[in-house]
């Protein structure tokens, strides 16, 4: 009888030690695994718009407003700032990232203007 009790106690002790580890594994299976990303992982995404040197700030602002207004992917337009060498740039904060069907209208408007040197999401 005594030997039986000792075996039961050893079994229960082992279970008590293993139980927290087993329970913690169950939590891992239901959690989402972390997603690796190169820089911009979630909205708002930053679309960097660079204008040709010599572009007037008023013309740049007018283009940004025209292209971003009523575009469902745009969250807001950032302020124009000097980029050096007589150029200006701004950020457009978007809900989508990359050259996709959702962003094609915005990119076409910016790139087709003749004022924009670059319109891209940096990493």
PDB file of N, CA and C in Angstrom:
ATOM      1  N   UNK A   1       0.832  -1.185   0.000  1.00  0.00           N
ATOM      2  CA  UNK A   1       0.000   0.000   0.000  1.00  0.00           C
ATOM      3  C   UNK A   1       0.872   1.242   0.000  1.00  0.00           C
ATOM      4  N   UNK A   2       1.901   1.216   0.805  1.00  0.00           N
ATOM      5  CA  UNK A   2       2.774   2.363   0.920  1.00  0.00           C
ATOM      6  C   UNK A   2       3.469   2.654  -0.409  1.00  0.00           C
ATOM      7  N   UNK A   3       3.882   1.613  -1.100  1.00  0.00           N
ATOM      8  CA  UNK A   3       4.542   1.759  -2.390  1.00  0.00           C
ATOM      9  C   UNK A   3       3.582   2.389  -3.411  1.00  0.00           C
ATOM     10  N   UNK A   4       2.338   1.974  -3.369  1.00  0.00           N
ATOM     11  CA  UNK A   4       1.317   2.522  -4.260  1.00  0.00           C
ATOM     12  C   UNK A   4       1.131   4.018  -4.018  1.00  0.00           C
ATOM     13  N   UNK A   5       1.063   4.440  -2.779  1.00  0.00           N
ATOM     14  CA  UNK A   5       0.888   5.858  -2.454  1.00  0.00           C
ATOM     15  C   UNK A   5       2.076   6.689  -2.942  1.00  0.00           C
ATOM     16  N   UNK A   6       3.258   6.127  -2.819  1.00  0.00           N
ATOM     17  CA  UNK A   6       4.460   6.822  -3.272  1.00  0.00           C
ATOM     18  C   UNK A   6       4.413   7.039  -4.796  1.00  0.00           C
ATOM     19  N   UNK A   7       3.977   6.035  -5.532  1.00  0.00           N
ATOM     20  CA  UNK A   7       3.873   6.142  -6.996  1.00  0.00           C
ATOM     21  C   UNK A   7       2.834   7.197  -7.392  1.00  0.00           C
ATOM     22  N   UNK A   8       1.725   7.195  -6.691  1.00  0.00           N
ATOM     23  CA  UNK A   8       0.673   8.180  -6.970  1.00  0.00           C
ATOM     24  C   UNK A   8       1.179   9.586  -6.673  1.00  0.00           C
ATOM     25  N   UNK A   9       1.865   9.752  -5.562  1.00  0.00           N
ATOM     26  CA  UNK A   9       2.399  11.064  -5.209  1.00  0.00           C
ATOM     27  C   UNK A   9       3.431  11.544  -6.221  1.00  0.00           C
ATOM     28  N   UNK A  10       4.279  10.644  -6.698  1.00  0.00           N
ATOM     29  CA  UNK A  10       5.267  11.015  -7.721  1.00  0.00           C
ATOM     30  C   UNK A  10       4.567  11.437  -9.005  1.00  0.00           C
ATOM     31  N   UNK A  11       3.550  10.682  -9.384  1.00  0.00           N
ATOM     32  CA  UNK A  11       2.788  11.020 -10.595  1.00  0.00           C
ATOM     33  C   UNK A  11       2.140  12.397 -10.457  1.00  0.00           C
ATOM     34  N   UNK A  12       1.504  12.658  -9.344  1.00  0.00           N
ATOM     35  CA  UNK A  12       0.839  13.941  -9.124  1.00  0.00           C
ATOM     36  C   UNK A  12       1.844  15.094  -9.103  1.00  0.00           C
ATOM     37  N   UNK A  13       3.006  14.852  -8.521  1.00  0.00           N
ATOM     38  CA  UNK A  13       4.041  15.887  -8.484  1.00  0.00           C
ATOM     39  C   UNK A  13       4.526  16.212  -9.891  1.00  0.00           C
ATOM     40  N   UNK A  14       4.727  15.181 -10.702  1.00  0.00           N
ATOM     41  CA  UNK A  14       5.158  15.406 -12.090  1.00  0.00           C
ATOM     42  C   UNK A  14       4.093  16.168 -12.867  1.00  0.00           C
ATOM     43  N   UNK A  15       2.834  15.802 -12.653  1.00  0.00           N
ATOM     44  CA  UNK A  15       1.735  16.501 -13.337  1.00  0.00           C
ATOM     45  C   UNK A  15       1.667  17.965 -12.909  1.00  0.00           C
ATOM     46  N   UNK A  16       1.873  18.206 -11.641  1.00  0.00           N
ATOM     47  CA  UNK A  16       1.824  19.576 -11.135  1.00  0.00           C
ATOM     48  C   UNK A  16       2.922  20.430 -11.748  1.00  0.00           C
ATOM     49  N   UNK A  17       4.079  19.837 -11.984  1.00  0.00           N
ATOM     50  CA  UNK A  17       5.182  20.571 -12.610  1.00  0.00           C
ATOM     51  C   UNK A  17       4.946  20.785 -14.097  1.00  0.00           C
ATOM     52  N   UNK A  18       4.349  19.813 -14.747  1.00  0.00           N
ATOM     53  CA  UNK A  18       4.153  19.891 -16.198  1.00  0.00           C
ATOM     54  C   UNK A  18       2.917  20.695 -16.586  1.00  0.00           C
ATOM     55  N   UNK A  19       1.944  20.793 -15.706  1.00  0.00           N
ATOM     56  CA  UNK A  19       0.684  21.449 -16.040  1.00  0.00           C
ATOM     57  C   UNK A  19       0.851  22.904 -16.504  1.00  0.00           C
ATOM     58  N   UNK A  20       1.609  23.762 -15.814  1.00  0.00           N
ATOM     59  CA  UNK A  20       1.757  25.141 -16.302  1.00  0.00           C
ATOM     60  C   UNK A  20       2.373  25.208 -17.702  1.00  0.00           C
ATOM     61  N   UNK A  21       3.326  24.353 -17.991  1.00  0.00           N
ATOM     62  CA  UNK A  21       3.952  24.347 -19.318  1.00  0.00           C
ATOM     63  C   UNK A  21       2.952  23.940 -20.388  1.00  0.00           C
ATOM     64  N   UNK A  22       2.152  22.937 -20.107  1.00  0.00           N
ATOM     65  CA  UNK A  22       1.155  22.474 -21.066  1.00  0.00           C
ATOM     66  C   UNK A  22       0.099  23.548 -21.294  1.00  0.00           C
ATOM     67  N   UNK A  23      -0.352  24.191 -20.252  1.00  0.00           N
ATOM     68  CA  UNK A  23      -1.364  25.237 -20.384  1.00  0.00           C
ATOM     69  C   UNK A  23      -0.833  26.434 -21.164  1.00  0.00           C
ATOM     70  N   UNK A  24       0.420  26.770 -20.984  1.00  0.00           N
ATOM     71  CA  UNK A  24       0.974  27.909 -21.714  1.00  0.00           C
ATOM     72  C   UNK A  24       1.088  27.611 -23.201  1.00  0.00           C
ATOM     73  N   UNK A  25       1.290  26.358 -23.572  1.00  0.00           N
ATOM     74  CA  UNK A  25       1.346  25.998 -24.992  1.00  0.00           C
ATOM     75  C   UNK A  25      -0.006  26.180 -25.655  1.00  0.00           C
ATOM     76  N   UNK A  26      -1.069  25.922 -24.936  1.00  0.00           N
ATOM     77  CA  UNK A  26      -2.409  26.113 -25.494  1.00  0.00           C
ATOM     78  C   UNK A  26      -2.658  27.571 -25.861  1.00  0.00           C
ATOM     79  N   UNK A  27      -2.119  28.499 -25.094  1.00  0.00           N
ATOM     80  CA  UNK A  27      -2.289  29.919 -25.392  1.00  0.00           C
ATOM     81  C   UNK A  27      -1.550  30.338 -26.638  1.00  0.00           C
ATOM     82  N   UNK A  28      -0.458  29.670 -26.944  1.00  0.00           N
ATOM     83  CA  UNK A  28       0.325  30.024 -28.128  1.00  0.00           C
ATOM     84  C   UNK A  28      -0.404  29.693 -29.409  1.00  0.00           C
ATOM     85  N   UNK A  29      -1.170  28.627 -29.395  1.00  0.00           N
ATOM     86  CA  UNK A  29      -1.818  28.201 -30.633  1.00  0.00           C
ATOM     87  C   UNK A  29      -2.927  29.151 -31.049  1.00  0.00           C
ATOM     88  N   UNK A  30      -3.552  29.826 -30.107  1.00  0.00           N
ATOM     89  CA  UNK A  30      -4.640  30.720 -30.467  1.00  0.00           C
ATOM     90  C   UNK A  30      -4.153  32.140 -30.771  1.00  0.00           C
ATOM     91  N   UNK A  31      -2.946  32.488 -30.364  1.00  0.00           N
ATOM     92  CA  UNK A  31      -2.418  33.833 -30.613  1.00  0.00           C
ATOM     93  C   UNK A  31      -1.851  33.923 -32.020  1.00  0.00           C
ATOM     94  N   UNK A  32      -1.920  35.108 -32.581  1.00  0.00           N
ATOM     95  CA  UNK A  32      -1.342  35.327 -33.900  1.00  0.00           C
ATOM     96  C   UNK A  32       0.174  35.418 -33.786  1.00  0.00           C
ATOM     97  N   UNK A  33       0.840  34.826 -34.745  1.00  0.00           N
ATOM     98  CA  UNK A  33       2.300  34.915 -34.781  1.00  0.00           C
ATOM     99  C   UNK A  33       2.693  36.318 -35.218  1.00  0.00           C
ATOM    100  N   UNK A  34       3.788  36.861 -34.695  1.00  0.00           N
ATOM    101  CA  UNK A  34       4.216  38.186 -35.118  1.00  0.00           C
ATOM    102  C   UNK A  34       4.560  38.193 -36.609  1.00  0.00           C
ATOM    103  N   UNK A  35       4.224  39.289 -37.258  1.00  0.00           N
ATOM    104  CA  UNK A  35       4.475  39.421 -38.688  1.00  0.00           C
ATOM    105  C   UNK A  35       5.703  40.289 -38.893  1.00  0.00           C
ATOM    106  N   UNK A  36       6.631  39.792 -39.673  1.00  0.00           N
ATOM    107  CA  UNK A  36       7.827  40.569 -39.986  1.00  0.00           C
ATOM    108  C   UNK A  36       7.495  41.556 -41.095  1.00  0.00           C
ATOM    109  N   UNK A  37       7.973  42.768 -40.951  1.00  0.00           N
ATOM    110  CA  UNK A  37       7.753  43.765 -41.994  1.00  0.00           C
ATOM    111  C   UNK A  37       9.005  44.614 -42.139  1.00  0.00           C
ATOM    112  N   UNK A  38       9.129  45.239 -43.291  1.00  0.00           N
ATOM    113  CA  UNK A  38      10.359  45.973 -43.599  1.00  0.00           C
ATOM    114  C   UNK A  38      10.380  47.374 -43.025  1.00  0.00           C
ATOM    115  N   UNK A  39       9.296  47.867 -42.514  1.00  0.00           N
ATOM    116  CA  UNK A  39       9.310  49.213 -41.974  1.00  0.00           C
ATOM    117  C   UNK A  39       7.923  49.746 -41.686  1.00  0.00           C
ATOM    118  N   UNK A  40       7.051  49.704 -42.662  1.00  0.00           N
ATOM    119  CA  UNK A  40       5.694  50.195 -42.471  1.00  0.00           C
ATOM    120  C   UNK A  40       4.774  48.984 -42.331  1.00  0.00           C
ATOM    121  N   UNK A  41       4.344  48.733 -41.102  1.00  0.00           N
ATOM    122  CA  UNK A  41       3.618  47.501 -40.812  1.00  0.00           C
ATOM    123  C   UNK A  41       2.108  47.656 -40.760  1.00  0.00           C
ATOM    124  N   UNK A  42       1.628  48.848 -40.504  1.00  0.00           N
ATOM    125  CA  UNK A  42       0.188  49.060 -40.366  1.00  0.00           C
ATOM    126  C   UNK A  42      -0.143  50.516 -40.660  1.00  0.00           C
ATOM    127  N   UNK A  43      -1.403  50.779 -41.025  1.00  0.00           N
ATOM    128  CA  UNK A  43      -1.793  52.173 -41.284  1.00  0.00           C
ATOM    129  C   UNK A  43      -1.596  53.026 -40.038  1.00  0.00           C
ATOM    130  N   UNK A  44      -1.350  54.284 -40.189  1.00  0.00           N
ATOM    131  CA  UNK A  44      -1.222  55.012 -41.451  1.00  0.00           C
ATOM    132  C   UNK A  44       0.136  54.765 -42.118  1.00  0.00           C
ATOM    133  N   UNK A  45       0.086  54.447 -43.403  1.00  0.00           N
ATOM    134  CA  UNK A  45       1.311  54.283 -44.190  1.00  0.00           C
ATOM    135  C   UNK A  45       1.731  55.654 -44.708  1.00  0.00           C
ATOM    136  N   UNK A  46       3.025  55.865 -44.846  1.00  0.00           N
ATOM    137  CA  UNK A  46       3.556  57.156 -45.264  1.00  0.00           C
ATOM    138  C   UNK A  46       4.002  57.109 -46.725  1.00  0.00           C
ATOM    139  N   UNK A  47       3.226  57.754 -47.573  1.00  0.00           N
ATOM    140  CA  UNK A  47       3.577  57.898 -48.976  1.00  0.00           C
ATOM    141  C   UNK A  47       4.388  59.183 -49.108  1.00  0.00           C
ATOM    142  N   UNK A  48       5.645  59.055 -49.482  1.00  0.00           N
ATOM    143  CA  UNK A  48       6.521  60.219 -49.597  1.00  0.00           C
ATOM    144  C   UNK A  48       6.413  60.774 -51.008  1.00  0.00           C
ATOM    145  N   UNK A  49       6.105  62.058 -51.098  1.00  0.00           N
ATOM    146  CA  UNK A  49       5.953  62.727 -52.390  1.00  0.00           C
ATOM    147  C   UNK A  49       7.031  63.800 -52.496  1.00  0.00           C
ATOM    148  N   UNK A  50       7.907  63.655 -53.477  1.00  0.00           N
ATOM    149  CA  UNK A  50       8.976  64.627 -53.709  1.00  0.00           C
ATOM    150  C   UNK A  50       8.723  65.401 -54.994  1.00  0.00           C
ATOM    151  N   UNK A  51       8.864  66.705 -54.933  1.00  0.00           N
ATOM    152  CA  UNK A  51       8.610  67.572 -56.083  1.00  0.00           C
ATOM    153  C   UNK A  51       9.921  68.020 -56.722  1.00  0.00           C
ATOM    154  N   UNK A  52       9.836  68.327 -58.014  1.00  0.00           N
ATOM    155  CA  UNK A  52      11.008  68.826 -58.741  1.00  0.00           C
ATOM    156  C   UNK A  52      11.516  70.107 -58.085  1.00  0.00           C
ATOM    157  N   UNK A  53      12.834  70.318 -58.064  1.00  0.00           N
ATOM    158  CA  UNK A  53      13.374  71.574 -57.544  1.00  0.00           C
ATOM    159  C   UNK A  53      12.766  72.757 -58.310  1.00  0.00           C
ATOM    160  N   UNK A  54      12.439  73.783 -57.576  1.00  0.00           N
ATOM    161  CA  UNK A  54      11.851  74.971 -58.183  1.00  0.00           C
ATOM    162  C   UNK A  54      10.329  74.968 -58.220  1.00  0.00           C
ATOM    163  N   UNK A  55       9.708  73.849 -57.840  1.00  0.00           N
ATOM    164  CA  UNK A  55       8.240  73.796 -57.791  1.00  0.00           C
ATOM    165  C   UNK A  55       7.771  74.717 -56.669  1.00  0.00           C
ATOM    166  N   UNK A  56       6.879  75.607 -56.983  1.00  0.00           N
ATOM    167  CA  UNK A  56       6.331  76.530 -55.981  1.00  0.00           C
ATOM    168  C   UNK A  56       5.525  75.749 -54.947  1.00  0.00           C
ATOM    169  N   UNK A  57       5.638  76.176 -53.695  1.00  0.00           N
ATOM    170  CA  UNK A  57       4.896  75.498 -52.630  1.00  0.00           C
ATOM    171  C   UNK A  57       3.396  75.549 -52.880  1.00  0.00           C
ATOM    172  N   UNK A  58       2.916  76.650 -53.419  1.00  0.00           N
ATOM    173  CA  UNK A  58       1.482  76.777 -53.699  1.00  0.00           C
ATOM    174  C   UNK A  58       1.039  75.755 -54.747  1.00  0.00           C
ATOM    175  N   UNK A  59       1.853  75.540 -55.772  1.00  0.00           N
ATOM    176  CA  UNK A  59       1.516  74.563 -56.817  1.00  0.00           C
ATOM    177  C   UNK A  59       1.576  73.142 -56.256  1.00  0.00           C
ATOM    178  N   UNK A  60       2.563  72.882 -55.417  1.00  0.00           N
ATOM    179  CA  UNK A  60       2.690  71.560 -54.798  1.00  0.00           C
ATOM    180  C   UNK A  60       1.488  71.277 -53.898  1.00  0.00           C
ATOM    181  N   UNK A  61       1.110  72.258 -53.090  1.00  0.00           N
ATOM    182  CA  UNK A  61      -0.029  72.091 -52.188  1.00  0.00           C
ATOM    183  C   UNK A  61      -1.321  71.890 -52.970  1.00  0.00           C
ATOM    184  N   UNK A  62      -1.481  72.614 -54.049  1.00  0.00           N
ATOM    185  CA  UNK A  62      -2.681  72.488 -54.883  1.00  0.00           C
ATOM    186  C   UNK A  62      -2.779  71.072 -55.464  1.00  0.00           C
ATOM    187  N   UNK A  63      -1.647  70.542 -55.931  1.00  0.00           N
ATOM    188  CA  UNK A  63      -1.645  69.187 -56.477  1.00  0.00           C
ATOM    189  C   UNK A  63      -1.958  68.165 -55.395  1.00  0.00           C
ATOM    190  N   UNK A  64      -1.333  68.291 -54.235  1.00  0.00           N
ATOM    191  CA  UNK A  64      -1.594  67.358 -53.140  1.00  0.00           C
ATOM    192  C   UNK A  64      -3.074  67.349 -52.772  1.00  0.00           C
ATOM    193  N   UNK A  65      -3.648  68.526 -52.683  1.00  0.00           N
ATOM    194  CA  UNK A  65      -5.067  68.641 -52.321  1.00  0.00           C
ATOM    195  C   UNK A  65      -5.941  68.016 -53.397  1.00  0.00           C
ATOM    196  N   UNK A  66      -5.651  68.311 -54.646  1.00  0.00           N
ATOM    197  CA  UNK A  66      -6.459  67.792 -55.759  1.00  0.00           C
ATOM    198  C   UNK A  66      -6.395  66.266 -55.818  1.00  0.00           C
ATOM    199  N   UNK A  67      -5.216  65.706 -55.665  1.00  0.00           N
ATOM    200  CA  UNK A  67      -5.061  64.255 -55.764  1.00  0.00           C
ATOM    201  C   UNK A  67      -5.615  63.517 -54.545  1.00  0.00           C
ATOM    202  N   UNK A  68      -5.499  64.110 -53.374  1.00  0.00           N
ATOM    203  CA  UNK A  68      -5.910  63.437 -52.142  1.00  0.00           C
ATOM    204  C   UNK A  68      -7.386  63.602 -51.811  1.00  0.00           C
ATOM    205  N   UNK A  69      -7.984  64.716 -52.256  1.00  0.00           N
ATOM    206  CA  UNK A  69      -9.401  64.963 -51.950  1.00  0.00           C
ATOM    207  C   UNK A  69     -10.277  63.843 -52.500  1.00  0.00           C
ATOM    208  N   UNK A  70     -11.192  63.390 -51.676  1.00  0.00           N
ATOM    209  CA  UNK A  70     -12.179  62.377 -52.053  1.00  0.00           C
ATOM    210  C   UNK A  70     -11.552  61.055 -52.475  1.00  0.00           C
ATOM    211  N   UNK A  71     -10.326  60.802 -52.069  1.00  0.00           N
ATOM    212  CA  UNK A  71      -9.681  59.522 -52.346  1.00  0.00           C
ATOM    213  C   UNK A  71      -9.806  58.679 -51.079  1.00  0.00           C
ATOM    214  N   UNK A  72     -10.481  57.546 -51.177  1.00  0.00           N
ATOM    215  CA  UNK A  72     -10.800  56.742 -49.989  1.00  0.00           C
ATOM    216  C   UNK A  72      -9.579  56.146 -49.300  1.00  0.00           C
ATOM    217  N   UNK A  73      -8.458  56.076 -49.973  1.00  0.00           N
ATOM    218  CA  UNK A  73      -7.253  55.500 -49.379  1.00  0.00           C
ATOM    219  C   UNK A  73      -6.473  56.521 -48.531  1.00  0.00           C
ATOM    220  N   UNK A  74      -6.743  57.804 -48.734  1.00  0.00           N
ATOM    221  CA  UNK A  74      -6.009  58.870 -48.037  1.00  0.00           C
ATOM    222  C   UNK A  74      -6.619  59.139 -46.668  1.00  0.00           C
ATOM    223  N   UNK A  75      -5.751  59.149 -45.661  1.00  0.00           N
ATOM    224  CA  UNK A  75      -6.163  59.517 -44.308  1.00  0.00           C
ATOM    225  C   UNK A  75      -5.998  61.025 -44.132  1.00  0.00           C
ATOM    226  N   UNK A  76      -4.813  61.531 -44.462  1.00  0.00           N
ATOM    227  CA  UNK A  76      -4.561  62.974 -44.404  1.00  0.00           C
ATOM    228  C   UNK A  76      -3.292  63.292 -45.176  1.00  0.00           C
ATOM    229  N   UNK A  77      -3.107  64.572 -45.461  1.00  0.00           N
ATOM    230  CA  UNK A  77      -1.917  65.054 -46.157  1.00  0.00           C
ATOM    231  C   UNK A  77      -1.064  65.809 -45.151  1.00  0.00           C
ATOM    232  N   UNK A  78       0.217  65.469 -45.107  1.00  0.00           N
ATOM    233  CA  UNK A  78       1.143  66.154 -44.217  1.00  0.00           C
ATOM    234  C   UNK A  78       1.558  67.501 -44.771  1.00  0.00           C
ATOM    235  N   UNK A  79       2.285  68.254 -43.971  1.00  0.00           N
ATOM    236  CA  UNK A  79       2.738  69.593 -44.375  1.00  0.00           C
ATOM    237  C   UNK A  79       3.890  69.499 -45.368  1.00  0.00           C
ATOM    238  N   UNK A  80       3.959  70.461 -46.243  1.00  0.00           N
ATOM    239  CA  UNK A  80       5.102  70.576 -47.153  1.00  0.00           C
ATOM    240  C   UNK A  80       6.318  71.001 -46.354  1.00  0.00           C
ATOM    241  N   UNK A  81       7.475  70.476 -46.734  1.00  0.00           N
ATOM    242  CA  UNK A  81       8.714  70.891 -46.070  1.00  0.00           C
ATOM    243  C   UNK A  81       9.832  70.942 -47.095  1.00  0.00           C
ATOM    244  N   UNK A  82      10.826  71.741 -46.777  1.00  0.00           N
ATOM    245  CA  UNK A  82      11.971  71.875 -47.676  1.00  0.00           C
ATOM    246  C   UNK A  82      12.780  70.588 -47.656  1.00  0.00           C
ATOM    247  N   UNK A  83      13.178  70.145 -48.861  1.00  0.00           N
ATOM    248  CA  UNK A  83      13.975  68.923 -48.983  1.00  0.00           C
ATOM    249  C   UNK A  83      15.411  69.239 -49.381  1.00  0.00           C
ATOM    250  N   UNK A  84      15.741  70.515 -49.491  1.00  0.00           N
ATOM    251  CA  UNK A  84      17.082  70.930 -49.892  1.00  0.00           C
ATOM    252  C   UNK A  84      17.186  71.064 -51.402  1.00  0.00           C
ATOM    253  N   UNK A  85      18.054  71.932 -51.829  1.00  0.00           N
ATOM    254  CA  UNK A  85      18.263  72.124 -53.263  1.00  0.00           C
ATOM    255  C   UNK A  85      17.081  72.745 -53.985  1.00  0.00           C
ATOM    256  N   UNK A  86      16.242  73.456 -53.256  1.00  0.00           N
ATOM    257  CA  UNK A  86      15.077  74.099 -53.871  1.00  0.00           C
ATOM    258  C   UNK A  86      13.888  73.172 -54.071  1.00  0.00           C
ATOM    259  N   UNK A  87      13.968  71.966 -53.549  1.00  0.00           N
ATOM    260  CA  UNK A  87      12.864  71.009 -53.686  1.00  0.00           C
ATOM    261  C   UNK A  87      12.027  70.978 -52.410  1.00  0.00           C
ATOM    262  N   UNK A  88      10.792  70.572 -52.557  1.00  0.00           N
ATOM    263  CA  UNK A  88       9.898  70.383 -51.411  1.00  0.00           C
ATOM    264  C   UNK A  88       9.350  68.962 -51.450  1.00  0.00           C
ATOM    265  N   UNK A  89       8.930  68.505 -50.285  1.00  0.00           N
ATOM    266  CA  UNK A  89       8.323  67.179 -50.205  1.00  0.00           C
ATOM    267  C   UNK A  89       7.233  67.184 -49.145  1.00  0.00           C
ATOM    268  N   UNK A  90       6.380  66.181 -49.204  1.00  0.00           N
ATOM    269  CA  UNK A  90       5.297  66.024 -48.233  1.00  0.00           C
ATOM    270  C   UNK A  90       4.997  64.547 -48.074  1.00  0.00           C
ATOM    271  N   UNK A  91       4.339  64.224 -46.992  1.00  0.00           N
ATOM    272  CA  UNK A  91       3.861  62.862 -46.757  1.00  0.00           C
ATOM    273  C   UNK A  91       2.352  62.851 -46.929  1.00  0.00           C
ATOM    274  N   UNK A  92       1.870  61.805 -47.567  1.00  0.00           N
ATOM    275  CA  UNK A  92       0.430  61.542 -47.612  1.00  0.00           C
ATOM    276  C   UNK A  92       0.234  60.260 -46.812  1.00  0.00           C
ATOM    277  N   UNK A  93      -0.601  60.321 -45.800  1.00  0.00           N
ATOM    278  CA  UNK A  93      -0.838  59.175 -44.923  1.00  0.00           C
ATOM    279  C   UNK A  93      -2.025  58.385 -45.480  1.00  0.00           C
ATOM    280  N   UNK A  94      -1.781  57.087 -45.730  1.00  0.00           N
ATOM    281  CA  UNK A  94      -2.761  56.267 -46.435  1.00  0.00           C
ATOM    282  C   UNK A  94      -3.177  55.033 -45.637  1.00  0.00           C
ATOM    283  N   UNK A  95      -4.298  54.452 -46.060  1.00  0.00           N
ATOM    284  CA  UNK A  95      -4.809  53.217 -45.462  1.00  0.00           C
ATOM    285  C   UNK A  95      -4.257  51.986 -46.159  1.00  0.00           C
ATOM    286  N   UNK A  96      -3.690  52.161 -47.349  1.00  0.00           N
ATOM    287  CA  UNK A  96      -3.146  51.041 -48.132  1.00  0.00           C
ATOM    288  C   UNK A  96      -1.692  51.321 -48.460  1.00  0.00           C
ATOM    289  N   UNK A  97      -0.954  50.256 -48.735  1.00  0.00           N
ATOM    290  CA  UNK A  97       0.489  50.350 -48.956  1.00  0.00           C
ATOM    291  C   UNK A  97       0.828  49.743 -50.310  1.00  0.00           C
ATOM    292  N   UNK A  98       1.673  50.418 -51.054  1.00  0.00           N
ATOM    293  CA  UNK A  98       2.187  49.860 -52.297  1.00  0.00           C
ATOM    294  C   UNK A  98       1.382  50.244 -53.521  1.00  0.00           C
ATOM    295  N   UNK A  99       1.907  49.865 -54.656  1.00  0.00           N
ATOM    296  CA  UNK A  99       1.301  50.172 -55.949  1.00  0.00           C
ATOM    297  C   UNK A  99       0.248  49.108 -56.241  1.00  0.00           C
ATOM    298  N   UNK A 100      -0.974  49.348 -55.779  1.00  0.00           N
ATOM    299  CA  UNK A 100      -2.072  48.387 -55.921  1.00  0.00           C
ATOM    300  C   UNK A 100      -3.253  49.062 -56.593  1.00  0.00           C
ATOM    301  N   UNK A 101      -4.291  48.299 -56.839  1.00  0.00           N
ATOM    302  CA  UNK A 101      -5.493  48.872 -57.448  1.00  0.00           C
ATOM    303  C   UNK A 101      -6.123  49.919 -56.538  1.00  0.00           C
ATOM    304  N   UNK A 102      -5.977  49.761 -55.227  1.00  0.00           N
ATOM    305  CA  UNK A 102      -6.541  50.733 -54.285  1.00  0.00           C
ATOM    306  C   UNK A 102      -5.808  52.073 -54.336  1.00  0.00           C
ATOM    307  N   UNK A 103      -4.516  52.043 -54.634  1.00  0.00           N
ATOM    308  CA  UNK A 103      -3.718  53.275 -54.628  1.00  0.00           C
ATOM    309  C   UNK A 103      -3.434  53.813 -56.029  1.00  0.00           C
ATOM    310  N   UNK A 104      -3.869  53.105 -57.055  1.00  0.00           N
ATOM    311  CA  UNK A 104      -3.503  53.490 -58.427  1.00  0.00           C
ATOM    312  C   UNK A 104      -4.015  54.879 -58.815  1.00  0.00           C
ATOM    313  N   UNK A 105      -5.199  55.245 -58.388  1.00  0.00           N
ATOM    314  CA  UNK A 105      -5.736  56.566 -58.717  1.00  0.00           C
ATOM    315  C   UNK A 105      -4.903  57.686 -58.118  1.00  0.00           C
ATOM    316  N   UNK A 106      -4.522  57.526 -56.872  1.00  0.00           N
ATOM    317  CA  UNK A 106      -3.703  58.526 -56.186  1.00  0.00           C
ATOM    318  C   UNK A 106      -2.327  58.636 -56.843  1.00  0.00           C
ATOM    319  N   UNK A 107      -1.698  57.496 -57.100  1.00  0.00           N
ATOM    320  CA  UNK A 107      -0.370  57.511 -57.710  1.00  0.00           C
ATOM    321  C   UNK A 107      -0.406  58.072 -59.134  1.00  0.00           C
ATOM    322  N   UNK A 108      -1.407  57.725 -59.882  1.00  0.00           N
ATOM    323  CA  UNK A 108      -1.542  58.252 -61.252  1.00  0.00           C
ATOM    324  C   UNK A 108      -1.709  59.760 -61.245  1.00  0.00           C
ATOM    325  N   UNK A 109      -2.508  60.265 -60.324  1.00  0.00           N
ATOM    326  CA  UNK A 109      -2.720  61.710 -60.216  1.00  0.00           C
ATOM    327  C   UNK A 109      -1.411  62.417 -59.883  1.00  0.00           C
ATOM    328  N   UNK A 110      -0.674  61.889 -58.914  1.00  0.00           N
ATOM    329  CA  UNK A 110       0.588  62.522 -58.502  1.00  0.00           C
ATOM    330  C   UNK A 110       1.649  62.430 -59.596  1.00  0.00           C
ATOM    331  N   UNK A 111       1.852  61.223 -60.101  1.00  0.00           N
ATOM    332  CA  UNK A 111       2.934  61.000 -61.070  1.00  0.00           C
ATOM    333  C   UNK A 111       2.644  61.617 -62.437  1.00  0.00           C
ATOM    334  N   UNK A 112       1.399  61.769 -62.768  1.00  0.00           N
ATOM    335  CA  UNK A 112       1.032  62.319 -64.073  1.00  0.00           C
ATOM    336  C   UNK A 112       1.036  63.836 -64.136  1.00  0.00           C
ATOM    337  N   UNK A 113       1.344  64.480 -63.044  1.00  0.00           N
ATOM    338  CA  UNK A 113       1.262  65.939 -62.982  1.00  0.00           C
ATOM    339  C   UNK A 113       2.443  66.652 -63.626  1.00  0.00           C
ATOM    340  N   UNK A 114       3.586  65.999 -63.676  1.00  0.00           N
ATOM    341  CA  UNK A 114       4.798  66.646 -64.158  1.00  0.00           C
ATOM    342  C   UNK A 114       5.549  67.398 -63.074  1.00  0.00           C
ATOM    343  N   UNK A 115       4.943  67.576 -61.911  1.00  0.00           N
ATOM    344  CA  UNK A 115       5.594  68.277 -60.789  1.00  0.00           C
ATOM    345  C   UNK A 115       6.324  67.322 -59.852  1.00  0.00           C
ATOM    346  N   UNK A 116       5.931  66.046 -59.876  1.00  0.00           N
ATOM    347  CA  UNK A 116       6.423  65.088 -58.896  1.00  0.00           C
ATOM    348  C   UNK A 116       7.597  64.272 -59.444  1.00  0.00           C
ATOM    349  N   UNK A 117       8.669  64.221 -58.645  1.00  0.00           N
ATOM    350  CA  UNK A 117       9.840  63.405 -58.971  1.00  0.00           C
ATOM    351  C   UNK A 117       9.617  61.988 -58.460  1.00  0.00           C
ATOM    352  N   UNK A 118       9.178  61.873 -57.214  1.00  0.00           N
ATOM    353  CA  UNK A 118       8.942  60.566 -56.601  1.00  0.00           C
ATOM    354  C   UNK A 118       7.630  60.566 -55.840  1.00  0.00           C
ATOM    355  N   UNK A 119       6.965  59.440 -55.870  1.00  0.00           N
ATOM    356  CA  UNK A 119       5.790  59.194 -55.049  1.00  0.00           C
ATOM    357  C   UNK A 119       5.850  57.726 -54.684  1.00  0.00           C
ATOM    358  N   UNK A 120       6.358  57.429 -53.488  1.00  0.00           N
ATOM    359  CA  UNK A 120       6.568  56.038 -53.092  1.00  0.00           C
ATOM    360  C   UNK A 120       6.529  55.900 -51.583  1.00  0.00           C
ATOM    361  N   UNK A 121       6.285  54.676 -51.139  1.00  0.00           N
ATOM    362  CA  UNK A 121       6.305  54.357 -49.713  1.00  0.00           C
ATOM    363  C   UNK A 121       7.714  53.875 -49.359  1.00  0.00           C
ATOM    364  N   UNK A 122       8.457  54.641 -48.579  1.00  0.00           N
ATOM    365  CA  UNK A 122       9.799  54.184 -48.204  1.00  0.00           C
ATOM    366  C   UNK A 122       9.708  53.053 -47.179  1.00  0.00           C
ATOM    367  N   UNK A 123      10.727  52.215 -47.142  1.00  0.00           N
ATOM    368  CA  UNK A 123      10.783  51.127 -46.139  1.00  0.00           C
ATOM    369  C   UNK A 123      11.115  51.688 -44.790  1.00  0.00           C
TER     370      UNK A 123
END
